[in-house]
Amino acid sequence: MAFGVGIHSPQPDRGGVRGTQKKAACECWFTSTGRMIPLMLKIEDEDGQIQTIRRIRVHSQEKRMYAGIPSIEYDCTLFAWNREIRAWLIYYQTENRWVLCVP
């Protein structure tokens, strides 16, 4: 059909990610069932220094689609810089990269 009428995507896009995004390196542990659990993050701060975040509490994990790109989004609390920070850690599967999104 013309203009894609009648075509239904099996997984609709969730839209864009809001907030400040920073590139991140993430160390993960994989369970015997294949579930991925973030253990540690390394991000570059405003001064160009690499900061390590070891205390991560994951509240939930959800598979999502952003602009057609499959990803896994972790809603978590990070304990860094002497405070708790609510953030989303996103793993873009096709690109093999991590992003930390802070509102």
PDB file of N, CA and C in Angstrom:
ATOM      1  N   MET A   1       0.835  -1.174   0.000  1.00  0.00           N
ATOM      2  CA  MET A   1       0.000   0.000   0.000  1.00  0.00           C
ATOM      3  C   MET A   1       0.883   1.242   0.000  1.00  0.00           C
ATOM      4  N   ALA A   2       0.388   2.318  -0.525  1.00  0.00           N
ATOM      5  CA  ALA A   2       1.140   3.561  -0.634  1.00  0.00           C
ATOM      6  C   ALA A   2       1.348   4.210   0.730  1.00  0.00           C
ATOM      7  N   PHE A   3       2.475   4.815   0.898  1.00  0.00           N
ATOM      8  CA  PHE A   3       2.832   5.598   2.084  1.00  0.00           C
ATOM      9  C   PHE A   3       2.823   4.792   3.378  1.00  0.00           C
ATOM     10  N   GLY A   4       2.962   3.501   3.287  1.00  0.00           N
ATOM     11  CA  GLY A   4       3.074   2.671   4.478  1.00  0.00           C
ATOM     12  C   GLY A   4       1.781   2.436   5.215  1.00  0.00           C
ATOM     13  N   VAL A   5       0.647   2.686   4.599  1.00  0.00           N
ATOM     14  CA  VAL A   5      -0.630   2.449   5.258  1.00  0.00           C
ATOM     15  C   VAL A   5      -0.802   0.947   5.451  1.00  0.00           C
ATOM     16  N   GLY A   6      -1.179   0.559   6.628  1.00  0.00           N
ATOM     17  CA  GLY A   6      -1.383  -0.850   6.921  1.00  0.00           C
ATOM     18  C   GLY A   6      -0.132  -1.566   7.394  1.00  0.00           C
ATOM     19  N   ILE A   7       0.993  -0.851   7.511  1.00  0.00           N
ATOM     20  CA  ILE A   7       2.230  -1.445   7.999  1.00  0.00           C
ATOM     21  C   ILE A   7       2.340  -1.149   9.486  1.00  0.00           C
ATOM     22  N   HIS A   8       2.482  -2.187  10.264  1.00  0.00           N
ATOM     23  CA  HIS A   8       2.560  -2.016  11.714  1.00  0.00           C
ATOM     24  C   HIS A   8       3.904  -2.524  12.202  1.00  0.00           C
ATOM     25  N   SER A   9       4.605  -1.685  12.925  1.00  0.00           N
ATOM     26  CA  SER A   9       5.895  -2.066  13.503  1.00  0.00           C
ATOM     27  C   SER A   9       5.646  -2.967  14.713  1.00  0.00           C
ATOM     28  N   PRO A  10       6.395  -4.064  14.846  1.00  0.00           N
ATOM     29  CA  PRO A  10       6.199  -4.936  16.005  1.00  0.00           C
ATOM     30  C   PRO A  10       6.575  -4.271  17.324  1.00  0.00           C
ATOM     31  N   GLN A  11       7.537  -3.330  17.290  1.00  0.00           N
ATOM     32  CA  GLN A  11       7.942  -2.614  18.494  1.00  0.00           C
ATOM     33  C   GLN A  11       8.047  -1.129  18.164  1.00  0.00           C
ATOM     34  N   PRO A  12       7.092  -0.320  18.588  1.00  0.00           N
ATOM     35  CA  PRO A  12       7.146   1.098  18.268  1.00  0.00           C
ATOM     36  C   PRO A  12       8.276   1.810  18.989  1.00  0.00           C
ATOM     37  N   ASP A  13       8.722   2.919  18.411  1.00  0.00           N
ATOM     38  CA  ASP A  13       9.758   3.738  19.043  1.00  0.00           C
ATOM     39  C   ASP A  13       9.207   4.373  20.307  1.00  0.00           C
ATOM     40  N   ARG A  14      10.077   4.588  21.282  1.00  0.00           N
ATOM     41  CA  ARG A  14       9.681   5.223  22.536  1.00  0.00           C
ATOM     42  C   ARG A  14      10.014   6.712  22.525  1.00  0.00           C
ATOM     43  N   GLY A  15      10.549   7.228  21.409  1.00  0.00           N
ATOM     44  CA  GLY A  15      10.958   8.624  21.357  1.00  0.00           C
ATOM     45  C   GLY A  15      12.380   8.789  21.821  1.00  0.00           C
ATOM     46  N   GLY A  16      12.795  10.026  22.017  1.00  0.00           N
ATOM     47  CA  GLY A  16      14.169  10.308  22.410  1.00  0.00           C
ATOM     48  C   GLY A  16      14.389  10.242  23.908  1.00  0.00           C
ATOM     49  N   VAL A  17      15.635  10.234  24.297  1.00  0.00           N
ATOM     50  CA  VAL A  17      16.021  10.220  25.708  1.00  0.00           C
ATOM     51  C   VAL A  17      16.202  11.658  26.153  1.00  0.00           C
ATOM     52  N   ARG A  18      15.594  12.011  27.279  1.00  0.00           N
ATOM     53  CA  ARG A  18      15.692  13.378  27.791  1.00  0.00           C
ATOM     54  C   ARG A  18      16.789  13.480  28.837  1.00  0.00           C
ATOM     55  N   GLY A  19      17.401  14.668  28.928  1.00  0.00           N
ATOM     56  CA  GLY A  19      18.437  14.889  29.926  1.00  0.00           C
ATOM     57  C   GLY A  19      19.808  14.982  29.292  1.00  0.00           C
ATOM     58  N   THR A  20      20.811  15.139  30.144  1.00  0.00           N
ATOM     59  CA  THR A  20      22.192  15.232  29.705  1.00  0.00           C
ATOM     60  C   THR A  20      22.754  13.831  29.511  1.00  0.00           C
ATOM     61  N   GLN A  21      23.315  13.582  28.329  1.00  0.00           N
ATOM     62  CA  GLN A  21      23.899  12.279  28.048  1.00  0.00           C
ATOM     63  C   GLN A  21      25.418  12.374  28.070  1.00  0.00           C
ATOM     64  N   LYS A  22      26.039  11.389  28.699  1.00  0.00           N
ATOM     65  CA  LYS A  22      27.499  11.303  28.737  1.00  0.00           C
ATOM     66  C   LYS A  22      27.901   9.904  28.305  1.00  0.00           C
ATOM     67  N   LYS A  23      28.976   9.822  27.530  1.00  0.00           N
ATOM     68  CA  LYS A  23      29.518   8.511  27.165  1.00  0.00           C
ATOM     69  C   LYS A  23      30.022   7.847  28.434  1.00  0.00           C
ATOM     70  N   ALA A  24      29.851   6.550  28.502  1.00  0.00           N
ATOM     71  CA  ALA A  24      30.274   5.825  29.698  1.00  0.00           C
ATOM     72  C   ALA A  24      30.904   4.495  29.318  1.00  0.00           C
ATOM     73  N   ALA A  25      31.803   4.047  30.169  1.00  0.00           N
ATOM     74  CA  ALA A  25      32.334   2.682  30.081  1.00  0.00           C
ATOM     75  C   ALA A  25      31.715   1.937  31.251  1.00  0.00           C
ATOM     76  N   CYS A  26      31.279   0.717  31.007  1.00  0.00           N
ATOM     77  CA  CYS A  26      30.564  -0.024  32.040  1.00  0.00           C
ATOM     78  C   CYS A  26      31.114  -1.439  32.181  1.00  0.00           C
ATOM     79  N   GLU A  27      31.360  -1.835  33.416  1.00  0.00           N
ATOM     80  CA  GLU A  27      31.730  -3.219  33.707  1.00  0.00           C
ATOM     81  C   GLU A  27      30.449  -3.934  34.128  1.00  0.00           C
ATOM     82  N   CYS A  28      30.184  -5.084  33.514  1.00  0.00           N
ATOM     83  CA  CYS A  28      28.953  -5.819  33.785  1.00  0.00           C
ATOM     84  C   CYS A  28      29.222  -7.241  34.228  1.00  0.00           C
ATOM     85  N   TRP A  29      28.229  -7.788  34.888  1.00  0.00           N
ATOM     86  CA  TRP A  29      28.232  -9.190  35.251  1.00  0.00           C
ATOM     87  C   TRP A  29      27.048  -9.822  34.552  1.00  0.00           C
ATOM     88  N   PHE A  30      27.248 -10.998  33.975  1.00  0.00           N
ATOM     89  CA  PHE A  30      26.181 -11.711  33.293  1.00  0.00           C
ATOM     90  C   PHE A  30      25.780 -12.915  34.131  1.00  0.00           C
ATOM     91  N   THR A  31      24.490 -13.047  34.385  1.00  0.00           N
ATOM     92  CA  THR A  31      23.995 -14.176  35.157  1.00  0.00           C
ATOM     93  C   THR A  31      23.969 -15.421  34.271  1.00  0.00           C
ATOM     94  N   SER A  32      23.677 -16.558  34.864  1.00  0.00           N
ATOM     95  CA  SER A  32      23.619 -17.810  34.101  1.00  0.00           C
ATOM     96  C   SER A  32      22.469 -17.816  33.108  1.00  0.00           C
ATOM     97  N   THR A  33      21.483 -16.938  33.309  1.00  0.00           N
ATOM     98  CA  THR A  33      20.352 -16.853  32.380  1.00  0.00           C
ATOM     99  C   THR A  33      20.581 -15.803  31.296  1.00  0.00           C
ATOM    100  N   GLY A  34      21.729 -15.123  31.335  1.00  0.00           N
ATOM    101  CA  GLY A  34      22.049 -14.133  30.314  1.00  0.00           C
ATOM    102  C   GLY A  34      21.657 -12.713  30.665  1.00  0.00           C
ATOM    103  N   ARG A  35      21.154 -12.494  31.863  1.00  0.00           N
ATOM    104  CA  ARG A  35      20.794 -11.145  32.295  1.00  0.00           C
ATOM    105  C   ARG A  35      22.064 -10.340  32.576  1.00  0.00           C
ATOM    106  N   MET A  36      22.072  -9.083  32.141  1.00  0.00           N
ATOM    107  CA  MET A  36      23.245  -8.215  32.279  1.00  0.00           C
ATOM    108  C   MET A  36      23.026  -7.263  33.463  1.00  0.00           C
ATOM    109  N   ILE A  37      24.008  -7.216  34.383  1.00  0.00           N
ATOM    110  CA  ILE A  37      23.907  -6.370  35.572  1.00  0.00           C
ATOM    111  C   ILE A  37      25.121  -5.443  35.627  1.00  0.00           C
ATOM    112  N   PRO A  38      24.909  -4.112  35.562  1.00  0.00           N
ATOM    113  CA  PRO A  38      26.032  -3.169  35.656  1.00  0.00           C
ATOM    114  C   PRO A  38      26.652  -3.184  37.049  1.00  0.00           C
ATOM    115  N   LEU A  39      27.987  -3.223  37.094  1.00  0.00           N
ATOM    116  CA  LEU A  39      28.712  -3.237  38.365  1.00  0.00           C
ATOM    117  C   LEU A  39      29.476  -1.940  38.627  1.00  0.00           C
ATOM    118  N   MET A  40      30.049  -1.348  37.566  1.00  0.00           N
ATOM    119  CA  MET A  40      30.897  -0.173  37.726  1.00  0.00           C
ATOM    120  C   MET A  40      30.816   0.685  36.472  1.00  0.00           C
ATOM    121  N   LEU A  41      30.925   2.001  36.640  1.00  0.00           N
ATOM    122  CA  LEU A  41      30.943   2.948  35.523  1.00  0.00           C
ATOM    123  C   LEU A  41      32.199   3.797  35.562  1.00  0.00           C
ATOM    124  N   LYS A  42      32.640   4.195  34.394  1.00  0.00           N
ATOM    125  CA  LYS A  42      33.701   5.198  34.294  1.00  0.00           C
ATOM    126  C   LYS A  42      33.202   6.251  33.310  1.00  0.00           C
ATOM    127  N   ILE A  43      33.207   7.503  33.765  1.00  0.00           N
ATOM    128  CA  ILE A  43      32.783   8.617  32.917  1.00  0.00           C
ATOM    129  C   ILE A  43      33.800   9.742  33.022  1.00  0.00           C
ATOM    130  N   GLU A  44      33.820  10.588  32.003  1.00  0.00           N
ATOM    131  CA  GLU A  44      34.722  11.734  32.000  1.00  0.00           C
ATOM    132  C   GLU A  44      33.962  12.943  32.539  1.00  0.00           C
ATOM    133  N   ASP A  45      34.545  13.628  33.532  1.00  0.00           N
ATOM    134  CA  ASP A  45      33.875  14.804  34.097  1.00  0.00           C
ATOM    135  C   ASP A  45      34.186  16.054  33.281  1.00  0.00           C
ATOM    136  N   GLU A  46      33.711  17.202  33.747  1.00  0.00           N
ATOM    137  CA  GLU A  46      33.873  18.474  33.033  1.00  0.00           C
ATOM    138  C   GLU A  46      35.334  18.888  32.905  1.00  0.00           C
ATOM    139  N   ASP A  47      36.181  18.423  33.830  1.00  0.00           N
ATOM    140  CA  ASP A  47      37.601  18.774  33.816  1.00  0.00           C
ATOM    141  C   ASP A  47      38.441  17.796  32.989  1.00  0.00           C
ATOM    142  N   GLY A  48      37.795  16.819  32.378  1.00  0.00           N
ATOM    143  CA  GLY A  48      38.519  15.839  31.576  1.00  0.00           C
ATOM    144  C   GLY A  48      39.083  14.675  32.376  1.00  0.00           C
ATOM    145  N   GLN A  49      38.755  14.614  33.666  1.00  0.00           N
ATOM    146  CA  GLN A  49      39.223  13.529  34.536  1.00  0.00           C
ATOM    147  C   GLN A  49      38.265  12.346  34.441  1.00  0.00           C
ATOM    148  N   ILE A  50      38.806  11.134  34.492  1.00  0.00           N
ATOM    149  CA  ILE A  50      37.981   9.928  34.476  1.00  0.00           C
ATOM    150  C   ILE A  50      37.528   9.634  35.904  1.00  0.00           C
ATOM    151  N   GLN A  51      36.219   9.563  36.097  1.00  0.00           N
ATOM    152  CA  GLN A  51      35.637   9.281  37.404  1.00  0.00           C
ATOM    153  C   GLN A  51      35.088   7.858  37.415  1.00  0.00           C
ATOM    154  N   THR A  52      35.314   7.154  38.509  1.00  0.00           N
ATOM    155  CA  THR A  52      34.834   5.787  38.661  1.00  0.00           C
ATOM    156  C   THR A  52      33.676   5.770  39.643  1.00  0.00           C
ATOM    157  N   ILE A  53      32.586   5.122  39.248  1.00  0.00           N
ATOM    158  CA  ILE A  53      31.411   4.973  40.106  1.00  0.00           C
ATOM    159  C   ILE A  53      31.209   3.481  40.330  1.00  0.00           C
ATOM    160  N   ARG A  54      31.371   3.060  41.574  1.00  0.00           N
ATOM    161  CA  ARG A  54      31.268   1.633  41.896  1.00  0.00           C
ATOM    162  C   ARG A  54      29.957   1.259  42.571  1.00  0.00           C
ATOM    163  N   ARG A  55      29.297   2.219  43.174  1.00  0.00           N
ATOM    164  CA  ARG A  55      28.041   1.920  43.875  1.00  0.00           C
ATOM    165  C   ARG A  55      26.866   2.253  42.964  1.00  0.00           C
ATOM    166  N   ILE A  56      26.241   1.218  42.448  1.00  0.00           N
ATOM    167  CA  ILE A  56      25.103   1.363  41.539  1.00  0.00           C
ATOM    168  C   ILE A  56      23.957   0.503  42.069  1.00  0.00           C
ATOM    169  N   ARG A  57      22.802   1.108  42.254  1.00  0.00           N
ATOM    170  CA  ARG A  57      21.602   0.356  42.638  1.00  0.00           C
ATOM    171  C   ARG A  57      20.632   0.391  41.459  1.00  0.00           C
ATOM    172  N   VAL A  58      20.384  -0.749  40.847  1.00  0.00           N
ATOM    173  CA  VAL A  58      19.469  -0.829  39.705  1.00  0.00           C
ATOM    174  C   VAL A  58      18.059  -1.064  40.228  1.00  0.00           C
ATOM    175  N   HIS A  59      17.117  -0.178  39.842  1.00  0.00           N
ATOM    176  CA  HIS A  59      15.724  -0.299  40.260  1.00  0.00           C
ATOM    177  C   HIS A  59      14.923  -1.124  39.260  1.00  0.00           C
ATOM    178  N   SER A  60      15.194  -0.908  37.976  1.00  0.00           N
ATOM    179  CA  SER A  60      14.477  -1.653  36.942  1.00  0.00           C
ATOM    180  C   SER A  60      15.303  -1.705  35.666  1.00  0.00           C
ATOM    181  N   GLN A  61      14.926  -2.637  34.813  1.00  0.00           N
ATOM    182  CA  GLN A  61      15.608  -2.844  33.537  1.00  0.00           C
ATOM    183  C   GLN A  61      14.526  -3.067  32.492  1.00  0.00           C
ATOM    184  N   GLU A  62      14.661  -2.396  31.329  1.00  0.00           N
ATOM    185  CA  GLU A  62      13.634  -2.516  30.303  1.00  0.00           C
ATOM    186  C   GLU A  62      14.260  -2.452  28.916  1.00  0.00           C
ATOM    187  N   LYS A  63      13.805  -3.329  28.035  1.00  0.00           N
ATOM    188  CA  LYS A  63      14.241  -3.270  26.638  1.00  0.00           C
ATOM    189  C   LYS A  63      13.408  -2.204  25.938  1.00  0.00           C
ATOM    190  N   ARG A  64      14.081  -1.339  25.185  1.00  0.00           N
ATOM    191  CA  ARG A  64      13.407  -0.231  24.505  1.00  0.00           C
ATOM    192  C   ARG A  64      13.922  -0.070  23.087  1.00  0.00           C
ATOM    193  N   MET A  65      13.222   0.777  22.332  1.00  0.00           N
ATOM    194  CA  MET A  65      13.632   1.147  20.975  1.00  0.00           C
ATOM    195  C   MET A  65      13.694   2.672  20.915  1.00  0.00           C
ATOM    196  N   TYR A  66      14.836   3.219  20.523  1.00  0.00           N
ATOM    197  CA  TYR A  66      14.998   4.658  20.322  1.00  0.00           C
ATOM    198  C   TYR A  66      15.372   4.883  18.865  1.00  0.00           C
ATOM    199  N   ALA A  67      14.486   5.522  18.118  1.00  0.00           N
ATOM    200  CA  ALA A  67      14.707   5.787  16.688  1.00  0.00           C
ATOM    201  C   ALA A  67      15.062   4.498  15.949  1.00  0.00           C
ATOM    202  N   GLY A  68      14.411   3.418  16.312  1.00  0.00           N
ATOM    203  CA  GLY A  68      14.640   2.143  15.664  1.00  0.00           C
ATOM    204  C   GLY A  68      15.861   1.388  16.142  1.00  0.00           C
ATOM    205  N   ILE A  69      16.562   1.918  17.129  1.00  0.00           N
ATOM    206  CA  ILE A  69      17.771   1.276  17.652  1.00  0.00           C
ATOM    207  C   ILE A  69      17.413   0.537  18.944  1.00  0.00           C
ATOM    208  N   PRO A  70      17.618  -0.783  18.993  1.00  0.00           N
ATOM    209  CA  PRO A  70      17.292  -1.518  20.215  1.00  0.00           C
ATOM    210  C   PRO A  70      18.272  -1.175  21.342  1.00  0.00           C
ATOM    211  N   SER A  71      17.720  -1.047  22.538  1.00  0.00           N
ATOM    212  CA  SER A  71      18.558  -0.706  23.684  1.00  0.00           C
ATOM    213  C   SER A  71      17.999  -1.342  24.943  1.00  0.00           C
ATOM    214  N   ILE A  72      18.826  -1.353  25.974  1.00  0.00           N
ATOM    215  CA  ILE A  72      18.403  -1.792  27.296  1.00  0.00           C
ATOM    216  C   ILE A  72      18.606  -0.607  28.225  1.00  0.00           C
ATOM    217  N   GLU A  73      17.544  -0.208  28.910  1.00  0.00           N
ATOM    218  CA  GLU A  73      17.591   0.967  29.773  1.00  0.00           C
ATOM    219  C   GLU A  73      17.487   0.541  31.232  1.00  0.00           C
ATOM    220  N   TYR A  74      18.433   1.015  32.031  1.00  0.00           N
ATOM    221  CA  TYR A  74      18.470   0.719  33.455  1.00  0.00           C
ATOM    222  C   TYR A  74      18.114   1.981  34.227  1.00  0.00           C
ATOM    223  N   ASP A  75      17.072   1.922  35.027  1.00  0.00           N
ATOM    224  CA  ASP A  75      16.727   3.001  35.936  1.00  0.00           C
ATOM    225  C   ASP A  75      17.502   2.714  37.214  1.00  0.00           C
ATOM    226  N   CYS A  76      18.397   3.623  37.588  1.00  0.00           N
ATOM    227  CA  CYS A  76      19.267   3.318  38.722  1.00  0.00           C
ATOM    228  C   CYS A  76      19.589   4.553  39.552  1.00  0.00           C
ATOM    229  N   THR A  77      20.120   4.285  40.717  1.00  0.00           N
ATOM    230  CA  THR A  77      20.649   5.323  41.601  1.00  0.00           C
ATOM    231  C   THR A  77      22.149   5.098  41.707  1.00  0.00           C
ATOM    232  N   LEU A  78      22.902   6.161  41.459  1.00  0.00           N
ATOM    233  CA  LEU A  78      24.360   6.116  41.556  1.00  0.00           C
ATOM    234  C   LEU A  78      24.776   6.837  42.831  1.00  0.00           C
ATOM    235  N   PHE A  79      25.790   6.325  43.492  1.00  0.00           N
ATOM    236  CA  PHE A  79      26.329   6.972  44.681  1.00  0.00           C
ATOM    237  C   PHE A  79      27.692   7.534  44.296  1.00  0.00           C
ATOM    238  N   ALA A  80      27.713   8.846  43.997  1.00  0.00           N
ATOM    239  CA  ALA A  80      28.949   9.482  43.535  1.00  0.00           C
ATOM    240  C   ALA A  80      29.002  10.918  44.034  1.00  0.00           C
ATOM    241  N   TRP A  81      30.204  11.422  44.202  1.00  0.00           N
ATOM    242  CA  TRP A  81      30.435  12.809  44.607  1.00  0.00           C
ATOM    243  C   TRP A  81      29.683  13.141  45.893  1.00  0.00           C
ATOM    244  N   ASN A  82      29.684  12.170  46.823  1.00  0.00           N
ATOM    245  CA  ASN A  82      29.071  12.319  48.150  1.00  0.00           C
ATOM    246  C   ASN A  82      27.564  12.576  48.101  1.00  0.00           C
ATOM    247  N   ARG A  83      26.879  12.026  47.091  1.00  0.00           N
ATOM    248  CA  ARG A  83      25.424  12.158  47.024  1.00  0.00           C
ATOM    249  C   ARG A  83      24.842  11.043  46.165  1.00  0.00           C
ATOM    250  N   GLU A  84      23.530  10.893  46.262  1.00  0.00           N
ATOM    251  CA  GLU A  84      22.814   9.935  45.424  1.00  0.00           C
ATOM    252  C   GLU A  84      22.314  10.648  44.181  1.00  0.00           C
ATOM    253  N   ILE A  85      22.474  10.007  43.022  1.00  0.00           N
ATOM    254  CA  ILE A  85      22.038  10.597  41.760  1.00  0.00           C
ATOM    255  C   ILE A  85      21.132   9.598  41.064  1.00  0.00           C
ATOM    256  N   ARG A  86      19.912  10.009  40.753  1.00  0.00           N
ATOM    257  CA  ARG A  86      18.991   9.163  39.981  1.00  0.00           C
ATOM    258  C   ARG A  86      19.338   9.349  38.513  1.00  0.00           C
ATOM    259  N   ALA A  87      19.559   8.264  37.799  1.00  0.00           N
ATOM    260  CA  ALA A  87      19.993   8.348  36.408  1.00  0.00           C
ATOM    261  C   ALA A  87      19.504   7.133  35.630  1.00  0.00           C
ATOM    262  N   TRP A  88      19.660   7.209  34.323  1.00  0.00           N
ATOM    263  CA  TRP A  88      19.351   6.092  33.446  1.00  0.00           C
ATOM    264  C   TRP A  88      20.625   5.710  32.714  1.00  0.00           C
ATOM    265  N   LEU A  89      20.938   4.451  32.786  1.00  0.00           N
ATOM    266  CA  LEU A  89      22.095   3.896  32.102  1.00  0.00           C
ATOM    267  C   LEU A  89      21.550   3.135  30.903  1.00  0.00           C
ATOM    268  N   ILE A  90      21.980   3.511  29.709  1.00  0.00           N
ATOM    269  CA  ILE A  90      21.417   2.942  28.489  1.00  0.00           C
ATOM    270  C   ILE A  90      22.512   2.242  27.694  1.00  0.00           C
ATOM    271  N   TYR A  91      22.220   1.003  27.310  1.00  0.00           N
ATOM    272  CA  TYR A  91      23.127   0.220  26.484  1.00  0.00           C
ATOM    273  C   TYR A  91      22.510   0.072  25.102  1.00  0.00           C
ATOM    274  N   TYR A  92      23.166   0.657  24.084  1.00  0.00           N
ATOM    275  CA  TYR A  92      22.714   0.543  22.702  1.00  0.00           C
ATOM    276  C   TYR A  92      23.342  -0.716  22.116  1.00  0.00           C
ATOM    277  N   GLN A  93      22.505  -1.735  21.910  1.00  0.00           N
ATOM    278  CA  GLN A  93      22.982  -3.060  21.545  1.00  0.00           C
ATOM    279  C   GLN A  93      23.674  -3.102  20.187  1.00  0.00           C
ATOM    280  N   THR A  94      23.113  -2.468  19.169  1.00  0.00           N
ATOM    281  CA  THR A  94      23.707  -2.561  17.830  1.00  0.00           C
ATOM    282  C   THR A  94      25.016  -1.788  17.730  1.00  0.00           C
ATOM    283  N   GLU A  95      25.184  -0.776  18.570  1.00  0.00           N
ATOM    284  CA  GLU A  95      26.389   0.052  18.542  1.00  0.00           C
ATOM    285  C   GLU A  95      27.404  -0.360  19.604  1.00  0.00           C
ATOM    286  N   ASN A  96      27.012  -1.262  20.506  1.00  0.00           N
ATOM    287  CA  ASN A  96      27.890  -1.695  21.596  1.00  0.00           C
ATOM    288  C   ASN A  96      28.439  -0.526  22.392  1.00  0.00           C
ATOM    289  N   ARG A  97      27.563   0.374  22.820  1.00  0.00           N
ATOM    290  CA  ARG A  97      28.023   1.532  23.586  1.00  0.00           C
ATOM    291  C   ARG A  97      27.066   1.838  24.722  1.00  0.00           C
ATOM    292  N   TRP A  98      27.622   2.461  25.755  1.00  0.00           N
ATOM    293  CA  TRP A  98      26.860   2.841  26.949  1.00  0.00           C
ATOM    294  C   TRP A  98      26.745   4.352  27.022  1.00  0.00           C
ATOM    295  N   VAL A  99      25.608   4.820  27.531  1.00  0.00           N
ATOM    296  CA  VAL A  99      25.371   6.246  27.752  1.00  0.00           C
ATOM    297  C   VAL A  99      24.745   6.405  29.125  1.00  0.00           C
ATOM    298  N   LEU A 100      25.214   7.393  29.879  1.00  0.00           N
ATOM    299  CA  LEU A 100      24.621   7.739  31.163  1.00  0.00           C
ATOM    300  C   LEU A 100      23.772   8.975  30.939  1.00  0.00           C
ATOM    301  N   CYS A 101      22.495   8.885  31.273  1.00  0.00           N
ATOM    302  CA  CYS A 101      21.565   9.990  31.066  1.00  0.00           C
ATOM    303  C   CYS A 101      21.096  10.499  32.419  1.00  0.00           C
ATOM    304  N   VAL A 102      21.411  11.768  32.717  1.00  0.00           N
ATOM    305  CA  VAL A 102      21.031  12.392  33.984  1.00  0.00           C
ATOM    306  C   VAL A 102      20.037  13.506  33.681  1.00  0.00           C
ATOM    307  N   PRO A 103      18.850  13.462  34.290  1.00  0.00           N
ATOM    308  CA  PRO A 103      17.829  14.506  34.002  1.00  0.00           C
ATOM    309  C   PRO A 103      18.250  15.877  34.488  1.00  0.00           C
TER     310      PRO A 103
END
